């Protein structure tokens, strides 16, 4: 299959290109600006340039480009880079030979509309408002799928997973063994398998929609840190401490988002996606996390 991947220089986009090529697909990666050391196989499509010429040569599009959590990013940047770019791409897909558009949204889109999250809302809202344009592709006889993943882990993953790894590398006991939360995660390899499941299924417009996608297990913070340290060939090194005190201390320090990510529950329901596309994660979460760190060390 001929696949176009946007955001090809990002962590997820670049790894998906490798995964899909290894699976035998013909993949073209797109970036929005040139940069030093760019792989010359990547196509630069800057500004408001149309995707149309590339879409004419594609069967499917994976839209991984966007503005993620970034210090100093403005509301305008989030909505332009997430909602507006996605809507423009979906409109061009509707008028092209492409049969499938997969948009990598975020579980932040669900949380932004719930009123429960303490995280800044512009990222989640911009992702949420991008999704209807993708689902609307069903009206053009195409398959449009929004995937809402939680934290994605994998070798050298940045963001919150990178923070977990740095925390686990500290040569000290960590005061988290009393935390009893449950959270969903998604392995990068599992995301690749989920996308492959969509591409392998018939491009049935009736399956268009927004789906949560995650590993089946929902480990606690102590379980995750212990798995990460096992992957680093280190003991778990966790000690008890009242989670409420840690939570309050972080909130008083203005680190509400960090407190939420460490101590709160975040549970996804992947069953609708599993049923629609016959997908199931290949490995248990903690085993996959441990392997991830072993491959880095």
C-alpha atoms as a PDB file:
ATOM      1  CA  UNK A   1       0.000   0.000   0.000  1.00  0.00           C
ATOM      2  CA  UNK A   2       1.176   3.562  -0.746  1.00  0.00           C
ATOM      3  CA  UNK A   3       1.068   5.532   2.484  1.00  0.00           C
ATOM      4  CA  UNK A   4       1.660   9.212   3.203  1.00  0.00           C
ATOM      5  CA  UNK A   5       2.825  10.054   6.746  1.00  0.00           C
ATOM      6  CA  UNK A   6       2.768  13.647   8.005  1.00  0.00           C
ATOM      7  CA  UNK A   7       4.918  14.735  10.930  1.00  0.00           C
ATOM      8  CA  UNK A   8       7.622  12.446   9.609  1.00  0.00           C
ATOM      9  CA  UNK A   9      10.399  14.029  11.680  1.00  0.00           C
ATOM     10  CA  UNK A  10       8.541  13.572  14.998  1.00  0.00           C
ATOM     11  CA  UNK A  11       9.082  10.709  17.392  1.00  0.00           C
ATOM     12  CA  UNK A  12       5.879   8.867  16.457  1.00  0.00           C
ATOM     13  CA  UNK A  13       5.871   9.744  12.758  1.00  0.00           C
ATOM     14  CA  UNK A  14       9.467   8.700  12.148  1.00  0.00           C
ATOM     15  CA  UNK A  15       9.004   5.382  13.956  1.00  0.00           C
ATOM     16  CA  UNK A  16       5.782   4.654  12.104  1.00  0.00           C
ATOM     17  CA  UNK A  17       7.543   5.170   8.792  1.00  0.00           C
ATOM     18  CA  UNK A  18      10.149   2.585   9.778  1.00  0.00           C
ATOM     19  CA  UNK A  19       7.448   0.182  11.037  1.00  0.00           C
ATOM     20  CA  UNK A  20       5.358   0.488   7.871  1.00  0.00           C
ATOM     21  CA  UNK A  21       8.317   0.125   5.523  1.00  0.00           C
ATOM     22  CA  UNK A  22       9.418  -2.967   7.417  1.00  0.00           C
ATOM     23  CA  UNK A  23       5.892  -4.306   6.912  1.00  0.00           C
ATOM     24  CA  UNK A  24       6.311  -3.918   3.150  1.00  0.00           C
ATOM     25  CA  UNK A  25       4.467  -0.649   2.488  1.00  0.00           C
ATOM     26  CA  UNK A  26       5.671   2.140   0.221  1.00  0.00           C
ATOM     27  CA  UNK A  27       5.857   5.183   2.512  1.00  0.00           C
ATOM     28  CA  UNK A  28       6.378   8.879   1.809  1.00  0.00           C
ATOM     29  CA  UNK A  29       7.133  11.090   4.787  1.00  0.00           C
ATOM     30  CA  UNK A  30       6.171  14.773   4.888  1.00  0.00           C
ATOM     31  CA  UNK A  31       7.656  17.535   7.035  1.00  0.00           C
ATOM     32  CA  UNK A  32       6.550  21.159   7.276  1.00  0.00           C
ATOM     33  CA  UNK A  33       9.993  22.748   7.158  1.00  0.00           C
ATOM     34  CA  UNK A  34      13.491  21.881   6.081  1.00  0.00           C
ATOM     35  CA  UNK A  35      16.083  21.211   8.765  1.00  0.00           C
ATOM     36  CA  UNK A  36      19.747  20.305   9.035  1.00  0.00           C
ATOM     37  CA  UNK A  37      20.335  16.604   8.596  1.00  0.00           C
ATOM     38  CA  UNK A  38      16.963  15.966   6.981  1.00  0.00           C
ATOM     39  CA  UNK A  39      16.589  12.556   5.388  1.00  0.00           C
ATOM     40  CA  UNK A  40      16.347  13.439   1.687  1.00  0.00           C
ATOM     41  CA  UNK A  41      13.546  10.949   1.234  1.00  0.00           C
ATOM     42  CA  UNK A  42      11.288  13.250   3.287  1.00  0.00           C
ATOM     43  CA  UNK A  43       9.183  15.742   1.342  1.00  0.00           C
ATOM     44  CA  UNK A  44       9.099  19.345   2.593  1.00  0.00           C
ATOM     45  CA  UNK A  45       5.608  20.833   2.335  1.00  0.00           C
ATOM     46  CA  UNK A  46       5.646  24.204   4.040  1.00  0.00           C
ATOM     47  CA  UNK A  47       3.024  26.780   4.960  1.00  0.00           C
ATOM     48  CA  UNK A  48      -0.346  26.480   3.245  1.00  0.00           C
ATOM     49  CA  UNK A  49       0.952  24.278   0.434  1.00  0.00           C
ATOM     50  CA  UNK A  50      -1.570  21.748  -0.814  1.00  0.00           C
ATOM     51  CA  UNK A  51      -1.202  18.032  -0.082  1.00  0.00           C
ATOM     52  CA  UNK A  52      -3.112  17.263  -3.288  1.00  0.00           C
ATOM     53  CA  UNK A  53      -0.164  16.245  -5.539  1.00  0.00           C
ATOM     54  CA  UNK A  54       1.042  13.758  -2.926  1.00  0.00           C
ATOM     55  CA  UNK A  55      -2.457  12.463  -2.280  1.00  0.00           C
ATOM     56  CA  UNK A  56      -2.832  11.563  -5.947  1.00  0.00           C
ATOM     57  CA  UNK A  57      -0.085   8.978  -5.428  1.00  0.00           C
ATOM     58  CA  UNK A  58      -1.334   7.619  -2.073  1.00  0.00           C
ATOM     59  CA  UNK A  59      -3.801   4.987  -0.891  1.00  0.00           C
ATOM     60  CA  UNK A  60      -3.796   6.010   2.772  1.00  0.00           C
ATOM     61  CA  UNK A  61      -2.669   8.888   4.964  1.00  0.00           C
ATOM     62  CA  UNK A  62      -1.457   8.787   8.554  1.00  0.00           C
ATOM     63  CA  UNK A  63      -1.643  12.273  10.012  1.00  0.00           C
ATOM     64  CA  UNK A  64       0.906  12.473  12.831  1.00  0.00           C
ATOM     65  CA  UNK A  65       1.774  16.153  12.428  1.00  0.00           C
ATOM     66  CA  UNK A  66       0.616  18.714  14.935  1.00  0.00           C
ATOM     67  CA  UNK A  67       1.546  20.957  17.837  1.00  0.00           C
ATOM     68  CA  UNK A  68       2.013  18.880  20.981  1.00  0.00           C
ATOM     69  CA  UNK A  69       2.456  20.046  24.571  1.00  0.00           C
ATOM     70  CA  UNK A  70       5.085  22.719  24.124  1.00  0.00           C
ATOM     71  CA  UNK A  71       6.184  25.402  26.588  1.00  0.00           C
ATOM     72  CA  UNK A  72       5.192  28.829  25.322  1.00  0.00           C
ATOM     73  CA  UNK A  73       2.876  27.564  22.571  1.00  0.00           C
ATOM     74  CA  UNK A  74      -0.056  29.934  22.048  1.00  0.00           C
ATOM     75  CA  UNK A  75      -3.717  29.048  21.653  1.00  0.00           C
ATOM     76  CA  UNK A  76      -3.503  30.184  18.031  1.00  0.00           C
ATOM     77  CA  UNK A  77      -0.559  27.844  17.376  1.00  0.00           C
ATOM     78  CA  UNK A  78      -2.403  24.866  18.865  1.00  0.00           C
ATOM     79  CA  UNK A  79      -5.572  25.442  16.848  1.00  0.00           C
ATOM     80  CA  UNK A  80      -3.732  26.264  13.638  1.00  0.00           C
ATOM     81  CA  UNK A  81      -1.359  23.293  13.895  1.00  0.00           C
ATOM     82  CA  UNK A  82      -3.941  20.772  15.077  1.00  0.00           C
ATOM     83  CA  UNK A  83      -7.542  21.674  14.172  1.00  0.00           C
ATOM     84  CA  UNK A  84      -6.997  23.772  11.041  1.00  0.00           C
ATOM     85  CA  UNK A  85      -4.259  21.645   9.481  1.00  0.00           C
ATOM     86  CA  UNK A  86      -6.266  18.454  10.048  1.00  0.00           C
ATOM     87  CA  UNK A  87      -9.429  19.974   8.575  1.00  0.00           C
ATOM     88  CA  UNK A  88      -7.549  21.150   5.490  1.00  0.00           C
ATOM     89  CA  UNK A  89      -5.933  17.748   4.988  1.00  0.00           C
ATOM     90  CA  UNK A  90      -9.274  15.955   5.426  1.00  0.00           C
ATOM     91  CA  UNK A  91     -10.874  18.233   2.844  1.00  0.00           C
ATOM     92  CA  UNK A  92      -8.157  17.425   0.331  1.00  0.00           C
ATOM     93  CA  UNK A  93      -8.383  13.701   1.103  1.00  0.00           C
ATOM     94  CA  UNK A  94     -12.118  13.846   0.361  1.00  0.00           C
ATOM     95  CA  UNK A  95     -11.355  15.025  -3.178  1.00  0.00           C
ATOM     96  CA  UNK A  96      -8.495  12.554  -3.767  1.00  0.00           C
ATOM     97  CA  UNK A  97      -8.041   8.836  -4.539  1.00  0.00           C
ATOM     98  CA  UNK A  98      -6.985   8.208  -0.909  1.00  0.00           C
ATOM     99  CA  UNK A  99      -9.245   5.636   0.756  1.00  0.00           C
ATOM    100  CA  UNK A 100      -8.164   5.939   4.408  1.00  0.00           C
ATOM    101  CA  UNK A 101      -7.157   8.816   6.687  1.00  0.00           C
ATOM    102  CA  UNK A 102      -5.870   7.971  10.176  1.00  0.00           C
ATOM    103  CA  UNK A 103      -5.510  10.975  12.455  1.00  0.00           C
ATOM    104  CA  UNK A 104      -3.402  10.610  15.598  1.00  0.00           C
ATOM    105  CA  UNK A 105      -5.434  12.580  18.085  1.00  0.00           C
ATOM    106  CA  UNK A 106      -4.959  12.257  21.858  1.00  0.00           C
ATOM    107  CA  UNK A 107      -6.858  11.170  24.941  1.00  0.00           C
ATOM    108  CA  UNK A 108      -6.394  14.833  25.919  1.00  0.00           C
ATOM    109  CA  UNK A 109      -9.275  15.492  23.491  1.00  0.00           C
ATOM    110  CA  UNK A 110     -11.590  13.491  25.761  1.00  0.00           C
ATOM    111  CA  UNK A 111     -10.222  15.034  28.940  1.00  0.00           C
ATOM    112  CA  UNK A 112     -10.532  18.578  27.582  1.00  0.00           C
ATOM    113  CA  UNK A 113     -14.282  18.160  27.392  1.00  0.00           C
ATOM    114  CA  UNK A 114     -14.693  16.422  30.740  1.00  0.00           C
ATOM    115  CA  UNK A 115     -13.931  19.279  33.121  1.00  0.00           C
ATOM    116  CA  UNK A 116     -11.850  16.889  35.249  1.00  0.00           C
ATOM    117  CA  UNK A 117      -8.349  17.540  33.967  1.00  0.00           C
ATOM    118  CA  UNK A 118      -5.988  20.003  35.598  1.00  0.00           C
ATOM    119  CA  UNK A 119      -3.856  20.198  32.462  1.00  0.00           C
ATOM    120  CA  UNK A 120      -3.895  23.261  30.176  1.00  0.00           C
ATOM    121  CA  UNK A 121      -6.795  22.791  27.771  1.00  0.00           C
ATOM    122  CA  UNK A 122      -5.750  24.325  24.442  1.00  0.00           C
ATOM    123  CA  UNK A 123      -3.927  21.215  23.232  1.00  0.00           C
ATOM    124  CA  UNK A 124      -6.802  18.868  24.033  1.00  0.00           C
ATOM    125  CA  UNK A 125      -9.449  21.232  22.702  1.00  0.00           C
ATOM    126  CA  UNK A 126      -7.577  21.746  19.425  1.00  0.00           C
ATOM    127  CA  UNK A 127      -7.325  17.981  18.984  1.00  0.00           C
ATOM    128  CA  UNK A 128     -10.997  17.541  19.854  1.00  0.00           C
ATOM    129  CA  UNK A 129     -12.090  20.125  17.305  1.00  0.00           C
ATOM    130  CA  UNK A 130      -9.927  18.478  14.614  1.00  0.00           C
ATOM    131  CA  UNK A 131     -11.737  15.152  14.861  1.00  0.00           C
ATOM    132  CA  UNK A 132     -15.121  15.900  13.184  1.00  0.00           C
ATOM    133  CA  UNK A 133     -13.484  16.668   9.825  1.00  0.00           C
ATOM    134  CA  UNK A 134     -11.919  13.198   9.827  1.00  0.00           C
ATOM    135  CA  UNK A 135     -15.137  11.376  10.739  1.00  0.00           C
ATOM    136  CA  UNK A 136     -16.980  13.353   8.045  1.00  0.00           C
ATOM    137  CA  UNK A 137     -14.920  11.557   5.387  1.00  0.00           C
ATOM    138  CA  UNK A 138     -17.484   8.750   5.633  1.00  0.00           C
ATOM    139  CA  UNK A 139     -19.821  11.057   3.715  1.00  0.00           C
ATOM    140  CA  UNK A 140     -17.326  10.941   0.830  1.00  0.00           C
ATOM    141  CA  UNK A 141     -17.212   7.145   0.906  1.00  0.00           C
ATOM    142  CA  UNK A 142     -13.877   7.018   2.702  1.00  0.00           C
ATOM    143  CA  UNK A 143     -12.664   5.649   6.032  1.00  0.00           C
ATOM    144  CA  UNK A 144     -11.719   8.365   8.511  1.00  0.00           C
ATOM    145  CA  UNK A 145     -10.361   7.260  11.890  1.00  0.00           C
ATOM    146  CA  UNK A 146      -9.303   9.356  14.879  1.00  0.00           C
ATOM    147  CA  UNK A 147      -7.107   7.453  17.326  1.00  0.00           C
ATOM    148  CA  UNK A 148      -6.974   8.748  20.893  1.00  0.00           C
ATOM    149  CA  UNK A 149      -3.914   7.205  22.574  1.00  0.00           C
ATOM    150  CA  UNK A 150      -2.701   7.826  26.117  1.00  0.00           C
ATOM    151  CA  UNK A 151       1.006   8.224  26.947  1.00  0.00           C
ATOM    152  CA  UNK A 152       3.006   6.367  24.285  1.00  0.00           C
ATOM    153  CA  UNK A 153       6.109   4.533  25.450  1.00  0.00           C
ATOM    154  CA  UNK A 154       8.947   3.197  23.342  1.00  0.00           C
ATOM    155  CA  UNK A 155      12.730   3.363  22.956  1.00  0.00           C
ATOM    156  CA  UNK A 156      13.946   6.954  23.474  1.00  0.00           C
ATOM    157  CA  UNK A 157      10.383   8.292  23.680  1.00  0.00           C
ATOM    158  CA  UNK A 158      10.303  11.960  24.722  1.00  0.00           C
ATOM    159  CA  UNK A 159       7.714  13.804  26.787  1.00  0.00           C
ATOM    160  CA  UNK A 160       6.225  12.225  29.890  1.00  0.00           C
ATOM    161  CA  UNK A 161       7.727   8.801  29.168  1.00  0.00           C
ATOM    162  CA  UNK A 162      11.162  10.391  29.031  1.00  0.00           C
ATOM    163  CA  UNK A 163      10.431  11.993  32.413  1.00  0.00           C
ATOM    164  CA  UNK A 164       9.505   8.580  33.844  1.00  0.00           C
ATOM    165  CA  UNK A 165      12.789   7.154  32.611  1.00  0.00           C
ATOM    166  CA  UNK A 166      14.843  10.026  34.030  1.00  0.00           C
ATOM    167  CA  UNK A 167      13.047   9.628  37.346  1.00  0.00           C
ATOM    168  CA  UNK A 168      13.765   5.893  37.378  1.00  0.00           C
ATOM    169  CA  UNK A 169      17.447   6.491  36.628  1.00  0.00           C
ATOM    170  CA  UNK A 170      17.914   8.584  39.773  1.00  0.00           C
ATOM    171  CA  UNK A 171      20.248   6.752  42.208  1.00  0.00           C
ATOM    172  CA  UNK A 172      17.828   6.993  45.125  1.00  0.00           C
ATOM    173  CA  UNK A 173      14.748   5.487  46.689  1.00  0.00           C
ATOM    174  CA  UNK A 174      11.557   6.913  45.203  1.00  0.00           C
ATOM    175  CA  UNK A 175       8.595   7.697  47.522  1.00  0.00           C
ATOM    176  CA  UNK A 176       5.859   6.156  45.380  1.00  0.00           C
ATOM    177  CA  UNK A 177       5.152   2.622  46.621  1.00  0.00           C
ATOM    178  CA  UNK A 178       1.911   3.798  48.307  1.00  0.00           C
ATOM    179  CA  UNK A 179       0.377   5.202  45.110  1.00  0.00           C
ATOM    180  CA  UNK A 180      -2.651   3.096  44.071  1.00  0.00           C
ATOM    181  CA  UNK A 181      -3.680   4.701  40.782  1.00  0.00           C
ATOM    182  CA  UNK A 182      -4.484   2.929  37.498  1.00  0.00           C
ATOM    183  CA  UNK A 183      -3.494   4.341  34.139  1.00  0.00           C
ATOM    184  CA  UNK A 184      -3.652   3.261  30.518  1.00  0.00           C
ATOM    185  CA  UNK A 185      -0.554   3.344  28.313  1.00  0.00           C
ATOM    186  CA  UNK A 186       0.205   2.433  24.702  1.00  0.00           C
ATOM    187  CA  UNK A 187       3.369   0.850  23.392  1.00  0.00           C
ATOM    188  CA  UNK A 188       4.753   2.364  20.198  1.00  0.00           C
ATOM    189  CA  UNK A 189       4.867  -1.095  18.614  1.00  0.00           C
ATOM    190  CA  UNK A 190       1.245  -1.638  19.637  1.00  0.00           C
ATOM    191  CA  UNK A 191       0.292   1.648  17.954  1.00  0.00           C
ATOM    192  CA  UNK A 192       1.993   0.461  14.769  1.00  0.00           C
ATOM    193  CA  UNK A 193       0.061  -2.805  14.952  1.00  0.00           C
ATOM    194  CA  UNK A 194      -3.203  -0.900  15.487  1.00  0.00           C
ATOM    195  CA  UNK A 195      -2.551   1.210  12.399  1.00  0.00           C
ATOM    196  CA  UNK A 196      -1.658  -1.903  10.414  1.00  0.00           C
ATOM    197  CA  UNK A 197      -4.976  -3.430  11.514  1.00  0.00           C
ATOM    198  CA  UNK A 198      -6.847  -0.421  10.084  1.00  0.00           C
ATOM    199  CA  UNK A 199      -4.912  -0.563   6.834  1.00  0.00           C
ATOM    200  CA  UNK A 200      -5.477  -4.313   6.491  1.00  0.00           C
ATOM    201  CA  UNK A 201      -9.230  -4.071   7.027  1.00  0.00           C
ATOM    202  CA  UNK A 202     -11.651  -3.156   4.232  1.00  0.00           C
ATOM    203  CA  UNK A 203     -11.896   0.645   3.890  1.00  0.00           C
ATOM    204  CA  UNK A 204     -15.492   0.579   5.103  1.00  0.00           C
ATOM    205  CA  UNK A 205     -16.799   4.139   5.660  1.00  0.00           C
ATOM    206  CA  UNK A 206     -19.209   2.851   8.311  1.00  0.00           C
ATOM    207  CA  UNK A 207     -16.218   2.146  10.567  1.00  0.00           C
ATOM    208  CA  UNK A 208     -15.241   5.806  10.531  1.00  0.00           C
ATOM    209  CA  UNK A 209     -15.151   7.312  13.981  1.00  0.00           C
ATOM    210  CA  UNK A 210     -13.123   8.280  17.018  1.00  0.00           C
ATOM    211  CA  UNK A 211     -11.554   5.424  18.969  1.00  0.00           C
ATOM    212  CA  UNK A 212      -9.588   5.172  22.175  1.00  0.00           C
ATOM    213  CA  UNK A 213      -6.617   2.874  21.733  1.00  0.00           C
ATOM    214  CA  UNK A 214      -4.424   1.540  24.537  1.00  0.00           C
ATOM    215  CA  UNK A 215      -2.767  -1.523  26.006  1.00  0.00           C
ATOM    216  CA  UNK A 216      -5.181  -3.771  27.890  1.00  0.00           C
ATOM    217  CA  UNK A 217      -3.409  -3.563  31.258  1.00  0.00           C
ATOM    218  CA  UNK A 218      -3.658  -0.474  33.483  1.00  0.00           C
ATOM    219  CA  UNK A 219      -0.606  -0.522  35.771  1.00  0.00           C
ATOM    220  CA  UNK A 220      -0.077   1.743  38.756  1.00  0.00           C
ATOM    221  CA  UNK A 221       2.782   4.210  39.096  1.00  0.00           C
ATOM    222  CA  UNK A 222       4.798   1.861  41.353  1.00  0.00           C
ATOM    223  CA  UNK A 223       4.374  -0.989  38.862  1.00  0.00           C
ATOM    224  CA  UNK A 224       5.549   1.200  35.976  1.00  0.00           C
ATOM    225  CA  UNK A 225       8.593   2.506  37.839  1.00  0.00           C
ATOM    226  CA  UNK A 226       9.524  -1.009  38.938  1.00  0.00           C
ATOM    227  CA  UNK A 227       9.263  -2.263  35.328  1.00  0.00           C
ATOM    228  CA  UNK A 228      11.376   0.631  34.069  1.00  0.00           C
ATOM    229  CA  UNK A 229      14.038  -0.052  36.679  1.00  0.00           C
ATOM    230  CA  UNK A 230      14.016  -3.767  35.821  1.00  0.00           C
ATOM    231  CA  UNK A 231      14.651  -2.769  32.233  1.00  0.00           C
ATOM    232  CA  UNK A 232      17.600  -0.748  33.477  1.00  0.00           C
ATOM    233  CA  UNK A 233      18.833  -3.795  35.454  1.00  0.00           C
ATOM    234  CA  UNK A 234      18.189  -2.028  38.736  1.00  0.00           C
ATOM    235  CA  UNK A 235      16.113  -2.882  41.818  1.00  0.00           C
ATOM    236  CA  UNK A 236      12.695  -1.250  42.161  1.00  0.00           C
ATOM    237  CA  UNK A 237      13.903   0.999  44.988  1.00  0.00           C
ATOM    238  CA  UNK A 238      10.466   2.294  46.056  1.00  0.00           C
ATOM    239  CA  UNK A 239       9.454   3.359  49.546  1.00  0.00           C
ATOM    240  CA  UNK A 240       6.088   4.307  51.100  1.00  0.00           C
ATOM    241  CA  UNK A 241       5.024   7.914  51.538  1.00  0.00           C
ATOM    242  CA  UNK A 242       1.543   9.478  51.735  1.00  0.00           C
ATOM    243  CA  UNK A 243       0.514  10.249  48.121  1.00  0.00           C
ATOM    244  CA  UNK A 244      -1.744  13.078  49.262  1.00  0.00           C
ATOM    245  CA  UNK A 245       1.204  15.012  50.661  1.00  0.00           C
ATOM    246  CA  UNK A 246       3.155  14.583  47.424  1.00  0.00           C
ATOM    247  CA  UNK A 247       0.127  15.643  45.398  1.00  0.00           C
ATOM    248  CA  UNK A 248      -0.444  18.774  47.451  1.00  0.00           C
ATOM    249  CA  UNK A 249       3.240  19.686  47.346  1.00  0.00           C
ATOM    250  CA  UNK A 250       3.289  19.516  43.559  1.00  0.00           C
ATOM    251  CA  UNK A 251       0.101  21.572  43.260  1.00  0.00           C
ATOM    252  CA  UNK A 252       1.477  24.236  45.604  1.00  0.00           C
ATOM    253  CA  UNK A 253       4.579  24.356  43.410  1.00  0.00           C
ATOM    254  CA  UNK A 254       2.405  24.976  40.331  1.00  0.00           C
ATOM    255  CA  UNK A 255       2.945  21.463  38.949  1.00  0.00           C
ATOM    256  CA  UNK A 256      -0.702  20.438  38.653  1.00  0.00           C
ATOM    257  CA  UNK A 257      -0.180  18.586  35.382  1.00  0.00           C
ATOM    258  CA  UNK A 258       2.679  16.564  36.861  1.00  0.00           C
ATOM    259  CA  UNK A 259       0.578  15.676  39.906  1.00  0.00           C
ATOM    260  CA  UNK A 260      -2.250  14.507  37.643  1.00  0.00           C
ATOM    261  CA  UNK A 261       0.067  12.368  35.534  1.00  0.00           C
ATOM    262  CA  UNK A 262       1.674  10.743  38.565  1.00  0.00           C
ATOM    263  CA  UNK A 263      -1.224  10.166  40.953  1.00  0.00           C
ATOM    264  CA  UNK A 264      -4.583  10.254  39.128  1.00  0.00           C
ATOM    265  CA  UNK A 265      -6.380   7.497  37.238  1.00  0.00           C
ATOM    266  CA  UNK A 266      -6.664   7.618  33.442  1.00  0.00           C
ATOM    267  CA  UNK A 267      -8.497   4.666  31.931  1.00  0.00           C
ATOM    268  CA  UNK A 268      -9.224   4.149  28.237  1.00  0.00           C
ATOM    269  CA  UNK A 269     -11.680   1.738  26.652  1.00  0.00           C
ATOM    270  CA  UNK A 270     -10.194   0.139  23.540  1.00  0.00           C
ATOM    271  CA  UNK A 271     -12.918  -2.461  23.121  1.00  0.00           C
ATOM    272  CA  UNK A 272     -14.790  -0.625  20.336  1.00  0.00           C
ATOM    273  CA  UNK A 273     -11.548  -0.324  18.362  1.00  0.00           C
ATOM    274  CA  UNK A 274     -10.583  -3.940  19.024  1.00  0.00           C
ATOM    275  CA  UNK A 275     -13.972  -5.110  17.766  1.00  0.00           C
ATOM    276  CA  UNK A 276     -14.025  -2.853  14.709  1.00  0.00           C
ATOM    277  CA  UNK A 277     -10.532  -3.721  13.482  1.00  0.00           C
ATOM    278  CA  UNK A 278      -9.738  -7.115  15.071  1.00  0.00           C
ATOM    279  CA  UNK A 279      -6.765  -5.747  16.998  1.00  0.00           C
ATOM    280  CA  UNK A 280      -5.234  -6.743  20.295  1.00  0.00           C
ATOM    281  CA  UNK A 281      -1.884  -5.583  21.763  1.00  0.00           C
ATOM    282  CA  UNK A 282       0.772  -8.221  21.278  1.00  0.00           C
ATOM    283  CA  UNK A 283       2.490  -7.942  24.674  1.00  0.00           C
ATOM    284  CA  UNK A 284       1.494  -7.201  28.286  1.00  0.00           C
ATOM    285  CA  UNK A 285       2.271  -3.608  29.218  1.00  0.00           C
ATOM    286  CA  UNK A 286       4.878  -4.101  31.936  1.00  0.00           C
ATOM    287  CA  UNK A 287       6.791  -6.669  29.870  1.00  0.00           C
ATOM    288  CA  UNK A 288       6.780  -4.321  26.881  1.00  0.00           C
ATOM    289  CA  UNK A 289       7.967  -1.415  29.041  1.00  0.00           C
ATOM    290  CA  UNK A 290      10.779  -3.499  30.482  1.00  0.00           C
ATOM    291  CA  UNK A 291      11.918  -4.542  26.989  1.00  0.00           C
ATOM    292  CA  UNK A 292      11.824  -0.908  25.900  1.00  0.00           C
ATOM    293  CA  UNK A 293      14.332   0.095  28.568  1.00  0.00           C
ATOM    294  CA  UNK A 294      16.488  -2.966  28.039  1.00  0.00           C
ATOM    295  CA  UNK A 295      16.842  -1.981  24.373  1.00  0.00           C
ATOM    296  CA  UNK A 296      17.951   1.531  25.386  1.00  0.00           C
ATOM    297  CA  UNK A 297      20.558   0.474  27.939  1.00  0.00           C
END
